[in-house]
PDB file of N, CA and C in Angstrom:
ATOM      1  N   MET A   1      93.162 117.543  97.691  1.00  0.00           N
ATOM      2  CA  MET A   1      93.920 117.062  98.567  1.00  0.00           C
ATOM      3  C   MET A   1      94.915 116.551  98.825  1.00  0.00           C
ATOM      4  N   LYS A   2      96.064 117.278  99.523  1.00  0.00           N
ATOM      5  CA  LYS A   2      97.379 116.185  99.608  1.00  0.00           C
ATOM      6  C   LYS A   2      97.293 114.986 101.013  1.00  0.00           C
ATOM      7  N   LEU A   3      98.098 113.932 100.778  1.00  0.00           N
ATOM      8  CA  LEU A   3      97.792 113.462 101.879  1.00  0.00           C
ATOM      9  C   LEU A   3      99.428 112.998 101.780  1.00  0.00           C
ATOM     10  N   HIS A   4      99.717 112.717 103.302  1.00  0.00           N
ATOM     11  CA  HIS A   4     100.935 111.635 103.486  1.00  0.00           C
ATOM     12  C   HIS A   4     101.249 110.133 103.150  1.00  0.00           C
ATOM     13  N   GLU A   5     101.803 109.843 103.079  1.00  0.00           N
ATOM     14  CA  GLU A   5     101.539 107.916 103.072  1.00  0.00           C
ATOM     15  C   GLU A   5     101.052 107.401 104.192  1.00  0.00           C
ATOM     16  N   TYR A   6     101.553 107.879 105.190  1.00  0.00           N
ATOM     17  CA  TYR A   6     100.836 107.232 106.663  1.00  0.00           C
ATOM     18  C   TYR A   6      99.616 107.800 106.624  1.00  0.00           C
ATOM     19  N   GLN A   7      99.208 108.743 106.173  1.00  0.00           N
ATOM     20  CA  GLN A   7      97.258 109.194 106.083  1.00  0.00           C
ATOM     21  C   GLN A   7      96.753 108.452 105.031  1.00  0.00           C
ATOM     22  N   SER A   8      97.504 107.859 104.101  1.00  0.00           N
ATOM     23  CA  SER A   8      96.658 107.292 103.223  1.00  0.00           C
ATOM     24  C   SER A   8      96.236 105.864 103.145  1.00  0.00           C
ATOM     25  N   ARG A   9      97.677 105.297 103.888  1.00  0.00           N
ATOM     26  CA  ARG A   9      97.714 104.094 104.694  1.00  0.00           C
ATOM     27  C   ARG A   9      96.773 103.219 105.786  1.00  0.00           C
ATOM     28  N   ASP A  10      96.316 104.651 106.776  1.00  0.00           N
ATOM     29  CA  ASP A  10      95.199 104.723 107.406  1.00  0.00           C
ATOM     30  C   ASP A  10      93.625 105.185 106.504  1.00  0.00           C
ATOM     31  N   LEU A  11      93.794 105.858 105.331  1.00  0.00           N
ATOM     32  CA  LEU A  11      92.002 105.436 104.383  1.00  0.00           C
ATOM     33  C   LEU A  11      92.227 104.741 104.178  1.00  0.00           C
ATOM     34  N   LEU A  12      93.342 103.805 103.293  1.00  0.00           N
ATOM     35  CA  LEU A  12      92.746 102.705 103.074  1.00  0.00           C
ATOM     36  C   LEU A  12      92.330 101.617 103.706  1.00  0.00           C
ATOM     37  N   ALA A  13      92.927 101.535 105.256  1.00  0.00           N
ATOM     38  CA  ALA A  13      92.511 100.674 105.837  1.00  0.00           C
ATOM     39  C   ALA A  13      91.003 100.502 106.395  1.00  0.00           C
ATOM     40  N   GLN A  14      90.573 102.157 106.443  1.00  0.00           N
ATOM     41  CA  GLN A  14      89.251 102.778 107.184  1.00  0.00           C
ATOM     42  C   GLN A  14      88.289 101.331 105.685  1.00  0.00           C
ATOM     43  N   TYR A  15      88.716 100.960 104.564  1.00  0.00           N
ATOM     44  CA  TYR A  15      88.001 100.896 103.648  1.00  0.00           C
ATOM     45  C   TYR A  15      88.410  98.934 103.442  1.00  0.00           C
ATOM     46  N   GLY A  16      89.175  98.164 104.452  1.00  0.00           N
ATOM     47  CA  GLY A  16      89.297  97.359 104.116  1.00  0.00           C
ATOM     48  C   GLY A  16      90.399  97.086 103.390  1.00  0.00           C
ATOM     49  N   ILE A  17      91.127  97.913 103.049  1.00  0.00           N
ATOM     50  CA  ILE A  17      92.058  97.591 101.676  1.00  0.00           C
ATOM     51  C   ILE A  17      93.278  97.620 102.571  1.00  0.00           C
ATOM     52  N   PRO A  18      94.156  96.215 102.138  1.00  0.00           N
ATOM     53  CA  PRO A  18      95.120  95.705 103.247  1.00  0.00           C
ATOM     54  C   PRO A  18      96.587  96.591 102.932  1.00  0.00           C
ATOM     55  N   THR A  19      96.779  96.642 103.938  1.00  0.00           N
ATOM     56  CA  THR A  19      98.462  97.378 103.713  1.00  0.00           C
ATOM     57  C   THR A  19      99.307  96.419 104.990  1.00  0.00           C
ATOM     58  N   SER A  20     101.108  96.935 104.777  1.00  0.00           N
ATOM     59  CA  SER A  20     101.104  96.756 105.858  1.00  0.00           C
ATOM     60  C   SER A  20     101.256  97.177 106.737  1.00  0.00           C
ATOM     61  N   ARG A  21     102.019  96.719 107.943  1.00  0.00           N
ATOM     62  CA  ARG A  21     101.611  97.429 109.373  1.00  0.00           C
ATOM     63  C   ARG A  21     103.188  98.386 109.028  1.00  0.00           C
ATOM     64  N   GLY A  22     102.125  99.715 109.947  1.00  0.00           N
ATOM     65  CA  GLY A  22     103.182 100.524 110.062  1.00  0.00           C
ATOM     66  C   GLY A  22     102.887 101.217 111.423  1.00  0.00           C
ATOM     67  N   GLU A  23     104.012 101.987 111.593  1.00  0.00           N
ATOM     68  CA  GLU A  23     103.830 102.904 113.073  1.00  0.00           C
ATOM     69  C   GLU A  23     104.387 104.289 112.513  1.00  0.00           C
ATOM     70  N   VAL A  24     103.793 105.304 112.995  1.00  0.00           N
ATOM     71  CA  VAL A  24     104.929 106.778 112.767  1.00  0.00           C
ATOM     72  C   VAL A  24     105.428 107.038 113.696  1.00  0.00           C
ATOM     73  N   VAL A  25     106.994 107.855 113.474  1.00  0.00           N
ATOM     74  CA  VAL A  25     107.657 108.573 114.612  1.00  0.00           C
ATOM     75  C   VAL A  25     107.618 109.831 114.744  1.00  0.00           C
ATOM     76  N   LYS A  26     106.961 110.090 115.410  1.00  0.00           N
ATOM     77  CA  LYS A  26     107.005 111.793 115.559  1.00  0.00           C
ATOM     78  C   LYS A  26     108.012 112.413 116.729  1.00  0.00           C
ATOM     79  N   LYS A  27     108.608 111.476 117.113  1.00  0.00           N
ATOM     80  CA  LYS A  27     109.721 112.506 118.269  1.00  0.00           C
ATOM     81  C   LYS A  27     111.085 111.264 118.471  1.00  0.00           C
ATOM     82  N   SER A  28     112.009 111.501 118.410  1.00  0.00           N
ATOM     83  CA  SER A  28     113.642 110.998 118.805  1.00  0.00           C
ATOM     84  C   SER A  28     112.821 110.196 119.864  1.00  0.00           C
ATOM     85  N   GLY A  29     113.605 108.788 119.522  1.00  0.00           N
ATOM     86  CA  GLY A  29     113.461 107.946 121.052  1.00  0.00           C
ATOM     87  C   GLY A  29     112.228 107.113 120.389  1.00  0.00           C
ATOM     88  N   GLU A  30     111.505 106.989 119.808  1.00  0.00           N
ATOM     89  CA  GLU A  30     110.345 106.406 119.197  1.00  0.00           C
ATOM     90  C   GLU A  30     110.777 104.932 118.302  1.00  0.00           C
ATOM     91  N   ALA A  31     111.686 105.195 117.714  1.00  0.00           N
ATOM     92  CA  ALA A  31     111.993 104.430 115.885  1.00  0.00           C
ATOM     93  C   ALA A  31     112.232 102.806 116.553  1.00  0.00           C
ATOM     94  N   ALA A  32     113.183 102.750 117.778  1.00  0.00           N
ATOM     95  CA  ALA A  32     113.756 101.419 118.204  1.00  0.00           C
ATOM     96  C   ALA A  32     112.784 100.605 118.441  1.00  0.00           C
ATOM     97  N   ALA A  33     111.563 100.904 119.293  1.00  0.00           N
ATOM     98  CA  ALA A  33     110.869 100.425 119.846  1.00  0.00           C
ATOM     99  C   ALA A  33     110.028  99.922 118.526  1.00  0.00           C
ATOM    100  N   ILE A  34     109.648 100.883 117.797  1.00  0.00           N
ATOM    101  CA  ILE A  34     108.709 100.506 116.460  1.00  0.00           C
ATOM    102  C   ILE A  34     109.461  99.485 115.607  1.00  0.00           C
ATOM    103  N   PHE A  35     110.565  99.698 115.354  1.00  0.00           N
ATOM    104  CA  PHE A  35     111.252  98.740 114.715  1.00  0.00           C
ATOM    105  C   PHE A  35     111.011  97.125 115.423  1.00  0.00           C
ATOM    106  N   ASN A  36     111.375  96.892 116.413  1.00  0.00           N
ATOM    107  CA  ASN A  36     111.484  95.562 117.365  1.00  0.00           C
ATOM    108  C   ASN A  36     109.766  95.113 117.459  1.00  0.00           C
ATOM    109  N   ARG A  37     108.919  95.950 117.220  1.00  0.00           N
ATOM    110  CA  ARG A  37     107.319  95.175 116.896  1.00  0.00           C
ATOM    111  C   ARG A  37     107.137  94.930 115.451  1.00  0.00           C
ATOM    112  N   LEU A  38     107.905  95.794 114.518  1.00  0.00           N
ATOM    113  CA  LEU A  38     107.167  95.228 112.963  1.00  0.00           C
ATOM    114  C   LEU A  38     108.248  94.376 112.087  1.00  0.00           C
ATOM    115  N   ALA A  39     109.685  94.335 113.025  1.00  0.00           N
ATOM    116  CA  ALA A  39     110.733  93.804 112.065  1.00  0.00           C
ATOM    117  C   ALA A  39     110.090  92.206 111.527  1.00  0.00           C
ATOM    118  N   ASN A  40     110.845  92.030 110.808  1.00  0.00           N
ATOM    119  CA  ASN A  40     110.542  90.472 109.913  1.00  0.00           C
ATOM    120  C   ASN A  40     111.427  90.058 109.057  1.00  0.00           C
ATOM    121  N   PRO A  41     113.045  90.480 109.083  1.00  0.00           N
ATOM    122  CA  PRO A  41     113.410  90.571 110.400  1.00  0.00           C
ATOM    123  C   PRO A  41     113.897  92.317 109.883  1.00  0.00           C
ATOM    124  N   THR A  42     113.530  92.732 108.567  1.00  0.00           N
ATOM    125  CA  THR A  42     113.855  93.971 108.342  1.00  0.00           C
ATOM    126  C   THR A  42     112.965  94.911 108.888  1.00  0.00           C
ATOM    127  N   CYS A  43     112.726  96.494 108.275  1.00  0.00           N
ATOM    128  CA  CYS A  43     111.262  97.134 108.181  1.00  0.00           C
ATOM    129  C   CYS A  43     112.039  98.029 107.425  1.00  0.00           C
ATOM    130  N   MET A  44     111.114  99.426 107.193  1.00  0.00           N
ATOM    131  CA  MET A  44     111.292 100.177 105.622  1.00  0.00           C
ATOM    132  C   MET A  44     111.175 101.778 106.986  1.00  0.00           C
ATOM    133  N   ALA A  45     112.091 102.002 106.751  1.00  0.00           N
ATOM    134  CA  ALA A  45     111.809 103.605 107.101  1.00  0.00           C
ATOM    135  C   ALA A  45     111.477 104.483 106.280  1.00  0.00           C
ATOM    136  N   LYS A  46     110.509 105.830 105.744  1.00  0.00           N
ATOM    137  CA  LYS A  46     110.432 106.479 105.155  1.00  0.00           C
ATOM    138  C   LYS A  46     109.563 107.758 105.621  1.00  0.00           C
ATOM    139  N   VAL A  47     110.832 109.003 105.193  1.00  0.00           N
ATOM    140  CA  VAL A  47     110.581 110.513 105.577  1.00  0.00           C
ATOM    141  C   VAL A  47     109.069 110.313 105.018  1.00  0.00           C
ATOM    142  N   GLN A  48     108.339 111.614 105.878  1.00  0.00           N
ATOM    143  CA  GLN A  48     106.862 112.030 105.327  1.00  0.00           C
ATOM    144  C   GLN A  48     107.082 112.998 104.978  1.00  0.00           C
ATOM    145  N   VAL A  49     107.262 113.729 103.530  1.00  0.00           N
ATOM    146  CA  VAL A  49     107.345 114.625 102.734  1.00  0.00           C
ATOM    147  C   VAL A  49     106.329 114.671 101.713  1.00  0.00           C
ATOM    148  N   LEU A  50     105.740 115.784 101.790  1.00  0.00           N
ATOM    149  CA  LEU A  50     104.534 115.640 100.656  1.00  0.00           C
ATOM    150  C   LEU A  50     105.809 116.308  98.824  1.00  0.00           C
ATOM    151  N   MET A  51     106.215 115.016  98.634  1.00  0.00           N
ATOM    152  CA  MET A  51     106.826 115.011  97.241  1.00  0.00           C
ATOM    153  C   MET A  51     107.577 113.733  97.056  1.00  0.00           C
ATOM    154  N   GLY A  52     107.576 113.924  95.574  1.00  0.00           N
ATOM    155  CA  GLY A  52     108.180 112.492  94.952  1.00  0.00           C
ATOM    156  C   GLY A  52     109.452 112.410  95.223  1.00  0.00           C
ATOM    157  N   GLY A  53     109.927 111.412  94.816  1.00  0.00           N
ATOM    158  CA  GLY A  53     111.330 110.968  94.484  1.00  0.00           C
ATOM    159  C   GLY A  53     112.195 110.930  95.789  1.00  0.00           C
ATOM    160  N   ARG A  54     111.293 109.965  96.933  1.00  0.00           N
ATOM    161  CA  ARG A  54     111.887 110.275  98.531  1.00  0.00           C
ATOM    162  C   ARG A  54     112.987 109.494  98.498  1.00  0.00           C
ATOM    163  N   GLY A  55     112.609 108.215  97.695  1.00  0.00           N
ATOM    164  CA  GLY A  55     113.598 107.085  97.742  1.00  0.00           C
ATOM    165  C   GLY A  55     115.179 107.245  97.207  1.00  0.00           C
ATOM    166  N   LYS A  56     114.780 107.733  96.077  1.00  0.00           N
ATOM    167  CA  LYS A  56     116.445 108.153  95.048  1.00  0.00           C
ATOM    168  C   LYS A  56     116.692 109.333  96.217  1.00  0.00           C
ATOM    169  N   ALA A  57     116.163 110.206  96.671  1.00  0.00           N
ATOM    170  CA  ALA A  57     116.956 111.505  97.767  1.00  0.00           C
ATOM    171  C   ALA A  57     117.545 110.694  99.118  1.00  0.00           C
ATOM    172  N   GLY A  58     117.472 109.346  99.562  1.00  0.00           N
ATOM    173  CA  GLY A  58     117.422 109.174 100.512  1.00  0.00           C
ATOM    174  C   GLY A  58     116.842 108.761 101.741  1.00  0.00           C
ATOM    175  N   GLY A  59     115.464 109.107 101.155  1.00  0.00           N
ATOM    176  CA  GLY A  59     114.391 109.201 102.272  1.00  0.00           C
ATOM    177  C   GLY A  59     113.359 107.895 102.474  1.00  0.00           C
ATOM    178  N   VAL A  60     114.373 107.120 101.858  1.00  0.00           N
ATOM    179  CA  VAL A  60     113.507 105.833 102.266  1.00  0.00           C
ATOM    180  C   VAL A  60     114.292 104.430 102.028  1.00  0.00           C
ATOM    181  N   LYS A  61     114.788 103.884 103.196  1.00  0.00           N
ATOM    182  CA  LYS A  61     115.714 102.685 103.237  1.00  0.00           C
ATOM    183  C   LYS A  61     115.140 101.382 103.927  1.00  0.00           C
ATOM    184  N   ARG A  62     115.601 100.607 104.110  1.00  0.00           N
ATOM    185  CA  ARG A  62     115.360  99.214 104.244  1.00  0.00           C
ATOM    186  C   ARG A  62     116.446  99.199 106.128  1.00  0.00           C
ATOM    187  N   MET A  63     115.858  98.898 107.117  1.00  0.00           N
ATOM    188  CA  MET A  63     116.595  99.154 108.214  1.00  0.00           C
ATOM    189  C   MET A  63     116.868  97.632 108.710  1.00  0.00           C
ATOM    190  N   GLN A  64     118.096  97.231 109.034  1.00  0.00           N
ATOM    191  CA  GLN A  64     118.500  96.438 109.382  1.00  0.00           C
ATOM    192  C   GLN A  64     118.293  95.678 110.796  1.00  0.00           C
ATOM    193  N   ASN A  65     118.324  96.845 111.636  1.00  0.00           N
ATOM    194  CA  ASN A  65     118.400  96.721 113.362  1.00  0.00           C
ATOM    195  C   ASN A  65     117.417  97.915 113.786  1.00  0.00           C
ATOM    196  N   ALA A  66     117.198  98.108 115.122  1.00  0.00           N
ATOM    197  CA  ALA A  66     116.939  99.382 115.878  1.00  0.00           C
ATOM    198  C   ALA A  66     117.419 100.103 115.713  1.00  0.00           C
ATOM    199  N   ALA A  67     118.808 100.007 115.821  1.00  0.00           N
ATOM    200  CA  ALA A  67     119.827 101.269 116.199  1.00  0.00           C
ATOM    201  C   ALA A  67     119.974 101.665 114.678  1.00  0.00           C
ATOM    202  N   GLU A  68     119.985 101.324 113.735  1.00  0.00           N
ATOM    203  CA  GLU A  68     120.261 101.737 112.601  1.00  0.00           C
ATOM    204  C   GLU A  68     118.713 102.899 112.068  1.00  0.00           C
ATOM    205  N   THR A  69     117.506 102.305 112.487  1.00  0.00           N
ATOM    206  CA  THR A  69     116.324 102.822 112.890  1.00  0.00           C
ATOM    207  C   THR A  69     116.177 104.151 113.050  1.00  0.00           C
ATOM    208  N   GLU A  70     117.306 104.276 114.268  1.00  0.00           N
ATOM    209  CA  GLU A  70     117.030 105.631 115.868  1.00  0.00           C
ATOM    210  C   GLU A  70     117.776 106.547 114.961  1.00  0.00           C
ATOM    211  N   ALA A  71     119.040 105.921 114.193  1.00  0.00           N
ATOM    212  CA  ALA A  71     120.230 106.851 113.464  1.00  0.00           C
ATOM    213  C   ALA A  71     119.280 107.478 112.475  1.00  0.00           C
ATOM    214  N   PHE A  72     118.544 106.903 111.284  1.00  0.00           N
ATOM    215  CA  PHE A  72     117.624 106.982 110.241  1.00  0.00           C
ATOM    216  C   PHE A  72     116.829 108.368 110.789  1.00  0.00           C
ATOM    217  N   VAL A  73     116.419 108.074 111.926  1.00  0.00           N
ATOM    218  CA  VAL A  73     115.210 109.477 112.490  1.00  0.00           C
ATOM    219  C   VAL A  73     115.907 110.540 112.957  1.00  0.00           C
ATOM    220  N   GLN A  74     117.402 110.700 113.437  1.00  0.00           N
ATOM    221  CA  GLN A  74     118.198 111.372 114.033  1.00  0.00           C
ATOM    222  C   GLN A  74     118.165 112.096 112.851  1.00  0.00           C
ATOM    223  N   GLN A  75     118.797 111.444 111.609  1.00  0.00           N
ATOM    224  CA  GLN A  75     119.392 112.268 110.411  1.00  0.00           C
ATOM    225  C   GLN A  75     118.416 113.172 109.704  1.00  0.00           C
ATOM    226  N   PHE A  76     117.137 112.563 109.439  1.00  0.00           N
ATOM    227  CA  PHE A  76     115.937 113.410 109.181  1.00  0.00           C
ATOM    228  C   PHE A  76     115.361 114.162 110.150  1.00  0.00           C
ATOM    229  N   LEU A  77     114.613 113.973 110.887  1.00  0.00           N
ATOM    230  CA  LEU A  77     113.537 114.285 111.781  1.00  0.00           C
ATOM    231  C   LEU A  77     113.723 115.973 112.082  1.00  0.00           C
ATOM    232  N   GLY A  78     113.087 116.510 111.865  1.00  0.00           N
ATOM    233  CA  GLY A  78     112.683 118.168 111.896  1.00  0.00           C
ATOM    234  C   GLY A  78     113.895 118.649 111.378  1.00  0.00           C
ATOM    235  N   LYS A  79     114.103 118.001 110.136  1.00  0.00           N
ATOM    236  CA  LYS A  79     115.312 118.733 109.086  1.00  0.00           C
ATOM    237  C   LYS A  79     115.007 118.800 107.756  1.00  0.00           C
ATOM    238  N   PRO A  80     114.882 119.758 107.138  1.00  0.00           N
ATOM    239  CA  PRO A  80     115.325 120.169 105.590  1.00  0.00           C
ATOM    240  C   PRO A  80     115.132 119.209 104.990  1.00  0.00           C
ATOM    241  N   PHE A  81     114.267 118.672 103.836  1.00  0.00           N
ATOM    242  CA  PHE A  81     114.403 117.227 102.560  1.00  0.00           C
ATOM    243  C   PHE A  81     114.058 118.126 101.369  1.00  0.00           C
ATOM    244  N   SER A  82     114.723 118.019 100.274  1.00  0.00           N
ATOM    245  CA  SER A  82     114.340 117.894  98.941  1.00  0.00           C
ATOM    246  C   SER A  82     114.593 116.815  98.409  1.00  0.00           C
ATOM    247  N   THR A  83     114.335 116.637  97.466  1.00  0.00           N
ATOM    248  CA  THR A  83     114.432 115.379  95.912  1.00  0.00           C
ATOM    249  C   THR A  83     114.788 116.260  94.911  1.00  0.00           C
ATOM    250  N   TYR A  84     115.182 115.727  93.880  1.00  0.00           N
ATOM    251  CA  TYR A  84     115.226 116.374  92.172  1.00  0.00           C
ATOM    252  C   TYR A  84     113.590 116.972  91.744  1.00  0.00           C
ATOM    253  N   GLN A  85     112.661 116.094  92.409  1.00  0.00           N
ATOM    254  CA  GLN A  85     111.613 116.586  92.099  1.00  0.00           C
ATOM    255  C   GLN A  85     110.776 117.748  92.983  1.00  0.00           C
ATOM    256  N   SER A  86     111.492 118.169  93.644  1.00  0.00           N
ATOM    257  CA  SER A  86     111.116 119.374  94.300  1.00  0.00           C
ATOM    258  C   SER A  86     111.217 120.658  93.975  1.00  0.00           C
ATOM    259  N   ALA A  87     112.286 120.898  92.943  1.00  0.00           N
ATOM    260  CA  ALA A  87     112.969 122.458  91.918  1.00  0.00           C
ATOM    261  C   ALA A  87     113.396 122.912  93.003  1.00  0.00           C
ATOM    262  N   GLY A  88     114.226 122.480  93.979  1.00  0.00           N
ATOM    263  CA  GLY A  88     114.917 123.298  95.011  1.00  0.00           C
ATOM    264  C   GLY A  88     114.184 123.358  96.246  1.00  0.00           C
ATOM    265  N   GLU A  89     112.791 123.240  96.329  1.00  0.00           N
ATOM    266  CA  GLU A  89     112.230 123.419  97.453  1.00  0.00           C
ATOM    267  C   GLU A  89     112.782 122.819  98.874  1.00  0.00           C
ATOM    268  N   SER A  90     112.868 122.620 100.064  1.00  0.00           N
ATOM    269  CA  SER A  90     112.570 122.396 100.976  1.00  0.00           C
ATOM    270  C   SER A  90     111.800 122.135 101.783  1.00  0.00           C
ATOM    271  N   LYS A  91     111.548 120.741 102.624  1.00  0.00           N
ATOM    272  CA  LYS A  91     110.227 120.759 103.753  1.00  0.00           C
ATOM    273  C   LYS A  91     110.680 119.923 104.882  1.00  0.00           C
ATOM    274  N   ILE A  92     110.488 120.314 105.880  1.00  0.00           N
ATOM    275  CA  ILE A  92     110.802 119.842 107.169  1.00  0.00           C
ATOM    276  C   ILE A  92     110.270 118.847 108.074  1.00  0.00           C
ATOM    277  N   VAL A  93     110.827 117.689 108.016  1.00  0.00           N
ATOM    278  CA  VAL A  93     110.574 116.282 108.090  1.00  0.00           C
ATOM    279  C   VAL A  93     110.075 116.313 109.582  1.00  0.00           C
ATOM    280  N   LYS A  94     108.336 115.783 109.638  1.00  0.00           N
ATOM    281  CA  LYS A  94     108.136 116.178 111.069  1.00  0.00           C
ATOM    282  C   LYS A  94     107.469 114.424 111.189  1.00  0.00           C
ATOM    283  N   SER A  95     107.556 113.999 110.269  1.00  0.00           N
ATOM    284  CA  SER A  95     107.359 112.377 110.695  1.00  0.00           C
ATOM    285  C   SER A  95     108.331 111.295 109.632  1.00  0.00           C
ATOM    286  N   ILE A  96     108.300 110.474 110.203  1.00  0.00           N
ATOM    287  CA  ILE A  96     108.320 108.902 110.005  1.00  0.00           C
ATOM    288  C   ILE A  96     107.842 108.057 110.032  1.00  0.00           C
ATOM    289  N   LEU A  97     107.412 107.464 108.594  1.00  0.00           N
ATOM    290  CA  LEU A  97     106.904 105.931 108.831  1.00  0.00           C
ATOM    291  C   LEU A  97     107.520 104.903 109.046  1.00  0.00           C
ATOM    292  N   VAL A  98     107.766 104.024 109.541  1.00  0.00           N
ATOM    293  CA  VAL A  98     108.497 102.702 109.913  1.00  0.00           C
ATOM    294  C   VAL A  98     107.323 101.529 109.506  1.00  0.00           C
ATOM    295  N   THR A  99     107.744 100.934 108.617  1.00  0.00           N
ATOM    296  CA  THR A  99     106.869  99.969 108.430  1.00  0.00           C
ATOM    297  C   THR A  99     107.342  98.227 108.217  1.00  0.00           C
ATOM    298  N   GLU A 100     106.691  97.465 108.264  1.00  0.00           N
ATOM    299  CA  GLU A 100     107.078  96.310 107.565  1.00  0.00           C
ATOM    300  C   GLU A 100     107.734  95.816 106.819  1.00  0.00           C
ATOM    301  N   ASP A 101     108.342  95.040 106.109  1.00  0.00           N
ATOM    302  CA  ASP A 101     109.142  95.182 105.094  1.00  0.00           C
ATOM    303  C   ASP A 101     108.740  93.638 104.424  1.00  0.00           C
ATOM    304  N   ILE A 102     107.749  93.738 103.795  1.00  0.00           N
ATOM    305  CA  ILE A 102     107.268  92.355 103.042  1.00  0.00           C
ATOM    306  C   ILE A 102     107.659  92.569 101.417  1.00  0.00           C
ATOM    307  N   PRO A 103     107.671  91.725 101.197  1.00  0.00           N
ATOM    308  CA  PRO A 103     107.958  91.246  99.537  1.00  0.00           C
ATOM    309  C   PRO A 103     106.727  91.476  99.002  1.00  0.00           C
ATOM    310  N   ILE A 104     107.104  92.921  97.800  1.00  0.00           N
ATOM    311  CA  ILE A 104     106.212  93.258  96.869  1.00  0.00           C
ATOM    312  C   ILE A 104     105.835  92.298  95.769  1.00  0.00           C
ATOM    313  N   GLN A 105     104.368  91.802  95.900  1.00  0.00           N
ATOM    314  CA  GLN A 105     104.274  91.285  94.223  1.00  0.00           C
ATOM    315  C   GLN A 105     103.459  92.126  93.145  1.00  0.00           C
ATOM    316  N   GLU A 106     102.968  92.779  93.360  1.00  0.00           N
ATOM    317  CA  GLU A 106     102.578  93.883  92.080  1.00  0.00           C
ATOM    318  C   GLU A 106     102.073  95.351  93.403  1.00  0.00           C
ATOM    319  N   GLU A 107     102.951  96.655  92.640  1.00  0.00           N
ATOM    320  CA  GLU A 107     102.171  97.823  92.863  1.00  0.00           C
ATOM    321  C   GLU A 107     101.501  98.237  92.346  1.00  0.00           C
ATOM    322  N   TYR A 108     100.856  99.200  92.840  1.00  0.00           N
ATOM    323  CA  TYR A 108     100.014 100.560  91.829  1.00  0.00           C
ATOM    324  C   TYR A 108      99.535 101.905  92.938  1.00  0.00           C
ATOM    325  N   TYR A 109     100.308 102.926  91.468  1.00  0.00           N
ATOM    326  CA  TYR A 109      99.916 103.946  91.658  1.00  0.00           C
ATOM    327  C   TYR A 109      98.711 104.324  91.430  1.00  0.00           C
ATOM    328  N   LEU A 110      97.741 105.649  91.980  1.00  0.00           N
ATOM    329  CA  LEU A 110      96.982 106.309  91.563  1.00  0.00           C
ATOM    330  C   LEU A 110      96.716 107.842  91.688  1.00  0.00           C
ATOM    331  N   GLY A 111      96.355 108.242  90.742  1.00  0.00           N
ATOM    332  CA  GLY A 111      96.312 109.675  90.613  1.00  0.00           C
ATOM    333  C   GLY A 111      95.044 110.395  90.151  1.00  0.00           C
ATOM    334  N   VAL A 112      94.394 111.123  91.005  1.00  0.00           N
ATOM    335  CA  VAL A 112      93.324 111.649  90.546  1.00  0.00           C
ATOM    336  C   VAL A 112      93.169 113.312  90.579  1.00  0.00           C
ATOM    337  N   VAL A 113      92.901 113.689  89.354  1.00  0.00           N
ATOM    338  CA  VAL A 113      92.319 115.128  89.343  1.00  0.00           C
ATOM    339  C   VAL A 113      91.190 115.312  88.285  1.00  0.00           C
ATOM    340  N   VAL A 114      90.865 117.067  89.370  1.00  0.00           N
ATOM    341  CA  VAL A 114      89.458 116.912  89.106  1.00  0.00           C
ATOM    342  C   VAL A 114      89.601 118.446  88.349  1.00  0.00           C
ATOM    343  N   ASP A 115      88.631 118.228  87.123  1.00  0.00           N
ATOM    344  CA  ASP A 115      88.625 119.457  86.310  1.00  0.00           C
ATOM    345  C   ASP A 115      87.382 119.914  86.348  1.00  0.00           C
ATOM    346  N   ARG A 116      87.498 121.170  87.368  1.00  0.00           N
ATOM    347  CA  ARG A 116      86.461 122.151  87.838  1.00  0.00           C
ATOM    348  C   ARG A 116      85.790 122.780  86.934  1.00  0.00           C
ATOM    349  N   SER A 117      85.805 122.606  85.671  1.00  0.00           N
ATOM    350  CA  SER A 117      85.340 123.469  84.410  1.00  0.00           C
ATOM    351  C   SER A 117      84.142 122.661  83.817  1.00  0.00           C
TER     352      SER A 117
END
């Protein structure tokens, strides 16, 4: 099963696991209003593609204002995106997650592998 970050966050929330507030941008013109709702005073914008290394490739950035957030969306939404981990394969960005920017005290990563044998 492959999940985008926003889908994983929704799943965690269903089970009472706290996550930062966030909203998904799927079309141009939505990002400024989302920034204004979530900023404290900044937000994080995150390209939603199923590949690692998004941050190092410029797909995860701290947004200082609504105009910068709209520019980020314009830069990536509907366009191909790749990272050093994607082996040259690009994926079209269909959504961007905008979240409140909160200090991280602890960070965990979870991976699950199923051995069908």
